[in-house]
Amino acid sequence: MFTLTILALSWQHLLIVALLLLVLFGGKKIPEMMRGLGSGIKEFKDAVKEEDKKPADEPKSNSEKTN
């Protein structure tokens, strides 16, 4: 049976990608990029948590509006 393994990455593929990133961006730029990526992910998660905590605005019925 044919197995689709187009996106399957072995450790050799990951090593090649890591070496290419090191050559393209240099050793000092990679930690800065990862730090920025991590802080962006953290901000996104915090925003999602804040949105979950907000109560949904429920429309008031007519009887509550009149005195």
PDB file of N, CA and C in Angstrom:
ATOM      1  N   MET A   1       0.837  -1.176   0.000  1.00  0.00           N
ATOM      2  CA  MET A   1       0.000   0.000   0.000  1.00  0.00           C
ATOM      3  C   MET A   1       0.887   1.246   0.000  1.00  0.00           C
ATOM      4  N   PHE A   2       0.470   2.263  -0.726  1.00  0.00           N
ATOM      5  CA  PHE A   2       1.223   3.504  -0.855  1.00  0.00           C
ATOM      6  C   PHE A   2       0.991   4.398   0.361  1.00  0.00           C
ATOM      7  N   THR A   3       2.053   4.835   0.977  1.00  0.00           N
ATOM      8  CA  THR A   3       1.960   5.713   2.132  1.00  0.00           C
ATOM      9  C   THR A   3       2.464   7.094   1.744  1.00  0.00           C
ATOM     10  N   LEU A   4       1.695   8.120   2.043  1.00  0.00           N
ATOM     11  CA  LEU A   4       2.048   9.488   1.718  1.00  0.00           C
ATOM     12  C   LEU A   4       2.979  10.035   2.794  1.00  0.00           C
ATOM     13  N   THR A   5       4.232  10.263   2.444  1.00  0.00           N
ATOM     14  CA  THR A   5       5.212  10.750   3.415  1.00  0.00           C
ATOM     15  C   THR A   5       5.896  12.014   2.907  1.00  0.00           C
ATOM     16  N   ILE A   6       5.144  12.878   2.279  1.00  0.00           N
ATOM     17  CA  ILE A   6       5.737  14.098   1.740  1.00  0.00           C
ATOM     18  C   ILE A   6       6.227  15.009   2.859  1.00  0.00           C
ATOM     19  N   LEU A   7       5.450  15.166   3.913  1.00  0.00           N
ATOM     20  CA  LEU A   7       5.808  16.085   4.986  1.00  0.00           C
ATOM     21  C   LEU A   7       6.567  15.421   6.130  1.00  0.00           C
ATOM     22  N   ALA A   8       6.895  14.168   6.012  1.00  0.00           N
ATOM     23  CA  ALA A   8       7.636  13.478   7.056  1.00  0.00           C
ATOM     24  C   ALA A   8       9.098  13.938   7.006  1.00  0.00           C
ATOM     25  N   LEU A   9       9.575  14.490   8.116  1.00  0.00           N
ATOM     26  CA  LEU A   9      10.952  14.984   8.176  1.00  0.00           C
ATOM     27  C   LEU A   9      11.773  14.086   9.106  1.00  0.00           C
ATOM     28  N   SER A  10      12.895  13.673   8.624  1.00  0.00           N
ATOM     29  CA  SER A  10      13.795  12.883   9.460  1.00  0.00           C
ATOM     30  C   SER A  10      14.764  13.832  10.162  1.00  0.00           C
ATOM     31  N   TRP A  11      15.600  13.316  11.024  1.00  0.00           N
ATOM     32  CA  TRP A  11      16.553  14.156  11.733  1.00  0.00           C
ATOM     33  C   TRP A  11      17.571  14.752  10.769  1.00  0.00           C
ATOM     34  N   GLN A  12      17.834  14.078   9.663  1.00  0.00           N
ATOM     35  CA  GLN A  12      18.774  14.629   8.674  1.00  0.00           C
ATOM     36  C   GLN A  12      18.186  15.884   8.020  1.00  0.00           C
ATOM     37  N   HIS A  13      16.900  15.842   7.707  1.00  0.00           N
ATOM     38  CA  HIS A  13      16.250  17.017   7.113  1.00  0.00           C
ATOM     39  C   HIS A  13      16.270  18.192   8.083  1.00  0.00           C
ATOM     40  N   LEU A  14      15.961  17.920   9.339  1.00  0.00           N
ATOM     41  CA  LEU A  14      15.954  18.983  10.343  1.00  0.00           C
ATOM     42  C   LEU A  14      17.348  19.566  10.553  1.00  0.00           C
ATOM     43  N   LEU A  15      18.372  18.724  10.489  1.00  0.00           N
ATOM     44  CA  LEU A  15      19.746  19.189  10.616  1.00  0.00           C
ATOM     45  C   LEU A  15      20.121  20.100   9.453  1.00  0.00           C
ATOM     46  N   ILE A  16      19.723  19.732   8.258  1.00  0.00           N
ATOM     47  CA  ILE A  16      20.012  20.566   7.077  1.00  0.00           C
ATOM     48  C   ILE A  16      19.302  21.909   7.194  1.00  0.00           C
ATOM     49  N   VAL A  17      18.052  21.908   7.620  1.00  0.00           N
ATOM     50  CA  VAL A  17      17.312  23.159   7.788  1.00  0.00           C
ATOM     51  C   VAL A  17      17.985  24.026   8.853  1.00  0.00           C
ATOM     52  N   ALA A  18      18.397  23.431   9.955  1.00  0.00           N
ATOM     53  CA  ALA A  18      19.059  24.183  11.020  1.00  0.00           C
ATOM     54  C   ALA A  18      20.371  24.795  10.529  1.00  0.00           C
ATOM     55  N   LEU A  19      21.134  24.037   9.755  1.00  0.00           N
ATOM     56  CA  LEU A  19      22.387  24.566   9.223  1.00  0.00           C
ATOM     57  C   LEU A  19      22.134  25.705   8.234  1.00  0.00           C
ATOM     58  N   LEU A  20      21.115  25.572   7.413  1.00  0.00           N
ATOM     59  CA  LEU A  20      20.783  26.652   6.483  1.00  0.00           C
ATOM     60  C   LEU A  20      20.370  27.920   7.234  1.00  0.00           C
ATOM     61  N   LEU A  21      19.578  27.772   8.288  1.00  0.00           N
ATOM     62  CA  LEU A  21      19.201  28.930   9.086  1.00  0.00           C
ATOM     63  C   LEU A  21      20.417  29.583   9.732  1.00  0.00           C
ATOM     64  N   LEU A  22      21.333  28.770  10.212  1.00  0.00           N
ATOM     65  CA  LEU A  22      22.546  29.288  10.831  1.00  0.00           C
ATOM     66  C   LEU A  22      23.378  30.066   9.825  1.00  0.00           C
ATOM     67  N   VAL A  23      23.494  29.542   8.607  1.00  0.00           N
ATOM     68  CA  VAL A  23      24.278  30.215   7.568  1.00  0.00           C
ATOM     69  C   VAL A  23      23.586  31.502   7.126  1.00  0.00           C
ATOM     70  N   LEU A  24      22.265  31.456   6.950  1.00  0.00           N
ATOM     71  CA  LEU A  24      21.548  32.623   6.436  1.00  0.00           C
ATOM     72  C   LEU A  24      21.437  33.755   7.457  1.00  0.00           C
ATOM     73  N   PHE A  25      21.158  33.433   8.712  1.00  0.00           N
ATOM     74  CA  PHE A  25      20.892  34.470   9.697  1.00  0.00           C
ATOM     75  C   PHE A  25      22.010  34.684  10.702  1.00  0.00           C
ATOM     76  N   GLY A  26      22.941  33.775  10.814  1.00  0.00           N
ATOM     77  CA  GLY A  26      24.027  33.936  11.764  1.00  0.00           C
ATOM     78  C   GLY A  26      23.637  33.477  13.161  1.00  0.00           C
ATOM     79  N   GLY A  27      24.642  33.245  13.968  1.00  0.00           N
ATOM     80  CA  GLY A  27      24.430  32.710  15.308  1.00  0.00           C
ATOM     81  C   GLY A  27      23.787  33.679  16.273  1.00  0.00           C
ATOM     82  N   LYS A  28      23.971  34.991  16.079  1.00  0.00           N
ATOM     83  CA  LYS A  28      23.421  35.968  17.016  1.00  0.00           C
ATOM     84  C   LYS A  28      21.973  36.317  16.704  1.00  0.00           C
ATOM     85  N   LYS A  29      21.583  36.234  15.461  1.00  0.00           N
ATOM     86  CA  LYS A  29      20.236  36.651  15.067  1.00  0.00           C
ATOM     87  C   LYS A  29      19.187  35.590  15.394  1.00  0.00           C
ATOM     88  N   ILE A  30      19.547  34.325  15.357  1.00  0.00           N
ATOM     89  CA  ILE A  30      18.587  33.238  15.590  1.00  0.00           C
ATOM     90  C   ILE A  30      17.974  33.297  16.990  1.00  0.00           C
ATOM     91  N   PRO A  31      18.750  33.463  18.069  1.00  0.00           N
ATOM     92  CA  PRO A  31      18.110  33.564  19.393  1.00  0.00           C
ATOM     93  C   PRO A  31      17.163  34.760  19.503  1.00  0.00           C
ATOM     94  N   GLU A  32      17.521  35.874  18.872  1.00  0.00           N
ATOM     95  CA  GLU A  32      16.643  37.047  18.891  1.00  0.00           C
ATOM     96  C   GLU A  32      15.331  36.743  18.175  1.00  0.00           C
ATOM     97  N   MET A  33      15.401  36.040  17.052  1.00  0.00           N
ATOM     98  CA  MET A  33      14.197  35.687  16.307  1.00  0.00           C
ATOM     99  C   MET A  33      13.323  34.733  17.109  1.00  0.00           C
ATOM    100  N   MET A  34      13.926  33.746  17.759  1.00  0.00           N
ATOM    101  CA  MET A  34      13.162  32.787  18.552  1.00  0.00           C
ATOM    102  C   MET A  34      12.532  33.462  19.768  1.00  0.00           C
ATOM    103  N   ARG A  35      13.243  34.414  20.374  1.00  0.00           N
ATOM    104  CA  ARG A  35      12.704  35.155  21.507  1.00  0.00           C
ATOM    105  C   ARG A  35      11.488  35.965  21.066  1.00  0.00           C
ATOM    106  N   GLY A  36      11.596  36.605  19.916  1.00  0.00           N
ATOM    107  CA  GLY A  36      10.466  37.361  19.378  1.00  0.00           C
ATOM    108  C   GLY A  36       9.288  36.460  19.046  1.00  0.00           C
ATOM    109  N   LEU A  37       9.571  35.299  18.483  1.00  0.00           N
ATOM    110  CA  LEU A  37       8.509  34.340  18.172  1.00  0.00           C
ATOM    111  C   LEU A  37       7.823  33.863  19.447  1.00  0.00           C
ATOM    112  N   GLY A  38       8.610  33.578  20.467  1.00  0.00           N
ATOM    113  CA  GLY A  38       8.051  33.122  21.741  1.00  0.00           C
ATOM    114  C   GLY A  38       7.189  34.184  22.400  1.00  0.00           C
ATOM    115  N   SER A  39       7.631  35.431  22.369  1.00  0.00           N
ATOM    116  CA  SER A  39       6.832  36.495  22.982  1.00  0.00           C
ATOM    117  C   SER A  39       5.549  36.734  22.180  1.00  0.00           C
ATOM    118  N   GLY A  40       5.620  36.591  20.876  1.00  0.00           N
ATOM    119  CA  GLY A  40       4.416  36.729  20.055  1.00  0.00           C
ATOM    120  C   GLY A  40       3.398  35.648  20.356  1.00  0.00           C
ATOM    121  N   ILE A  41       3.868  34.423  20.527  1.00  0.00           N
ATOM    122  CA  ILE A  41       2.973  33.313  20.860  1.00  0.00           C
ATOM    123  C   ILE A  41       2.360  33.538  22.240  1.00  0.00           C
ATOM    124  N   LYS A  42       3.169  34.027  23.187  1.00  0.00           N
ATOM    125  CA  LYS A  42       2.663  34.293  24.537  1.00  0.00           C
ATOM    126  C   LYS A  42       1.589  35.375  24.508  1.00  0.00           C
ATOM    127  N   GLU A  43       1.812  36.442  23.758  1.00  0.00           N
ATOM    128  CA  GLU A  43       0.811  37.507  23.647  1.00  0.00           C
ATOM    129  C   GLU A  43      -0.482  36.986  23.023  1.00  0.00           C
ATOM    130  N   PHE A  44      -0.353  36.128  22.028  1.00  0.00           N
ATOM    131  CA  PHE A  44      -1.535  35.555  21.388  1.00  0.00           C
ATOM    132  C   PHE A  44      -2.328  34.710  22.375  1.00  0.00           C
ATOM    133  N   LYS A  45      -1.641  33.870  23.139  1.00  0.00           N
ATOM    134  CA  LYS A  45      -2.325  33.031  24.124  1.00  0.00           C
ATOM    135  C   LYS A  45      -2.997  33.880  25.195  1.00  0.00           C
ATOM    136  N   ASP A  46      -2.327  34.955  25.640  1.00  0.00           N
ATOM    137  CA  ASP A  46      -2.924  35.841  26.638  1.00  0.00           C
ATOM    138  C   ASP A  46      -4.178  36.514  26.090  1.00  0.00           C
ATOM    139  N   ALA A  47      -4.134  36.917  24.830  1.00  0.00           N
ATOM    140  CA  ALA A  47      -5.304  37.555  24.214  1.00  0.00           C
ATOM    141  C   ALA A  47      -6.464  36.573  24.107  1.00  0.00           C
ATOM    142  N   VAL A  48      -6.172  35.327  23.795  1.00  0.00           N
ATOM    143  CA  VAL A  48      -7.220  34.315  23.712  1.00  0.00           C
ATOM    144  C   VAL A  48      -7.829  34.077  25.088  1.00  0.00           C
ATOM    145  N   LYS A  49      -7.001  34.036  26.122  1.00  0.00           N
ATOM    146  CA  LYS A  49      -7.509  33.848  27.486  1.00  0.00           C
ATOM    147  C   LYS A  49      -8.377  35.023  27.912  1.00  0.00           C
ATOM    148  N   GLU A  50      -7.959  36.247  27.564  1.00  0.00           N
ATOM    149  CA  GLU A  50      -8.756  37.425  27.909  1.00  0.00           C
ATOM    150  C   GLU A  50     -10.113  37.376  27.221  1.00  0.00           C
ATOM    151  N   GLU A  51     -10.129  36.966  25.983  1.00  0.00           N
ATOM    152  CA  GLU A  51     -11.380  36.893  25.230  1.00  0.00           C
ATOM    153  C   GLU A  51     -12.312  35.849  25.841  1.00  0.00           C
ATOM    154  N   ASP A  52     -11.747  34.754  26.330  1.00  0.00           N
ATOM    155  CA  ASP A  52     -12.560  33.718  26.960  1.00  0.00           C
ATOM    156  C   ASP A  52     -13.153  34.199  28.285  1.00  0.00           C
ATOM    157  N   LYS A  53     -12.446  35.060  29.000  1.00  0.00           N
ATOM    158  CA  LYS A  53     -12.901  35.527  30.305  1.00  0.00           C
ATOM    159  C   LYS A  53     -13.993  36.577  30.196  1.00  0.00           C
ATOM    160  N   LYS A  54     -14.062  37.297  29.072  1.00  0.00           N
ATOM    161  CA  LYS A  54     -15.073  38.342  28.919  1.00  0.00           C
ATOM    162  C   LYS A  54     -16.458  37.720  28.847  1.00  0.00           C
ATOM    163  N   PRO A  55     -17.384  38.231  29.656  1.00  0.00           N
ATOM    164  CA  PRO A  55     -18.758  37.711  29.543  1.00  0.00           C
ATOM    165  C   PRO A  55     -19.397  38.250  28.268  1.00  0.00           C
ATOM    166  N   ALA A  56     -20.232  37.459  27.690  1.00  0.00           N
ATOM    167  CA  ALA A  56     -20.918  37.880  26.475  1.00  0.00           C
ATOM    168  C   ALA A  56     -21.933  38.954  26.833  1.00  0.00           C
ATOM    169  N   ASP A  57     -21.971  40.013  26.040  1.00  0.00           N
ATOM    170  CA  ASP A  57     -22.941  41.082  26.279  1.00  0.00           C
ATOM    171  C   ASP A  57     -24.316  40.580  25.893  1.00  0.00           C
ATOM    172  N   GLU A  58     -25.160  40.462  26.893  1.00  0.00           N
ATOM    173  CA  GLU A  58     -26.513  39.981  26.647  1.00  0.00           C
ATOM    174  C   GLU A  58     -27.436  41.175  26.469  1.00  0.00           C
ATOM    175  N   PRO A  59     -28.261  41.152  25.451  1.00  0.00           N
ATOM    176  CA  PRO A  59     -29.190  42.273  25.261  1.00  0.00           C
ATOM    177  C   PRO A  59     -30.237  42.280  26.382  1.00  0.00           C
ATOM    178  N   LYS A  60     -30.559  43.488  26.834  1.00  0.00           N
ATOM    179  CA  LYS A  60     -31.543  43.614  27.905  1.00  0.00           C
ATOM    180  C   LYS A  60     -32.937  43.509  27.308  1.00  0.00           C
ATOM    181  N   SER A  61     -33.825  42.919  28.066  1.00  0.00           N
ATOM    182  CA  SER A  61     -35.202  42.803  27.598  1.00  0.00           C
ATOM    183  C   SER A  61     -35.921  44.130  27.800  1.00  0.00           C
ATOM    184  N   ASN A  62     -37.065  44.307  27.181  1.00  0.00           N
ATOM    185  CA  ASN A  62     -37.834  45.547  27.272  1.00  0.00           C
ATOM    186  C   ASN A  62     -38.304  45.822  28.690  1.00  0.00           C
ATOM    187  N   SER A  63     -38.594  44.810  29.468  1.00  0.00           N
ATOM    188  CA  SER A  63     -39.097  45.006  30.826  1.00  0.00           C
ATOM    189  C   SER A  63     -38.019  45.596  31.731  1.00  0.00           C
ATOM    190  N   GLU A  64     -36.748  45.332  31.479  1.00  0.00           N
ATOM    191  CA  GLU A  64     -35.677  45.882  32.289  1.00  0.00           C
ATOM    192  C   GLU A  64     -35.420  47.344  31.949  1.00  0.00           C
ATOM    193  N   LYS A  65     -35.711  47.763  30.727  1.00  0.00           N
ATOM    194  CA  LYS A  65     -35.429  49.132  30.310  1.00  0.00           C
ATOM    195  C   LYS A  65     -36.452  50.118  30.868  1.00  0.00           C
ATOM    196  N   THR A  66     -37.673  49.716  31.055  1.00  0.00           N
ATOM    197  CA  THR A  66     -38.716  50.619  31.540  1.00  0.00           C
ATOM    198  C   THR A  66     -38.820  50.557  33.049  1.00  0.00           C
ATOM    199  N   ASN A  67     -39.124  51.674  33.661  1.00  0.00           N
ATOM    200  CA  ASN A  67     -39.256  51.722  35.125  1.00  0.00           C
ATOM    201  C   ASN A  67     -40.676  51.833  35.529  1.00  0.00           C
TER     202      ASN A  67
END
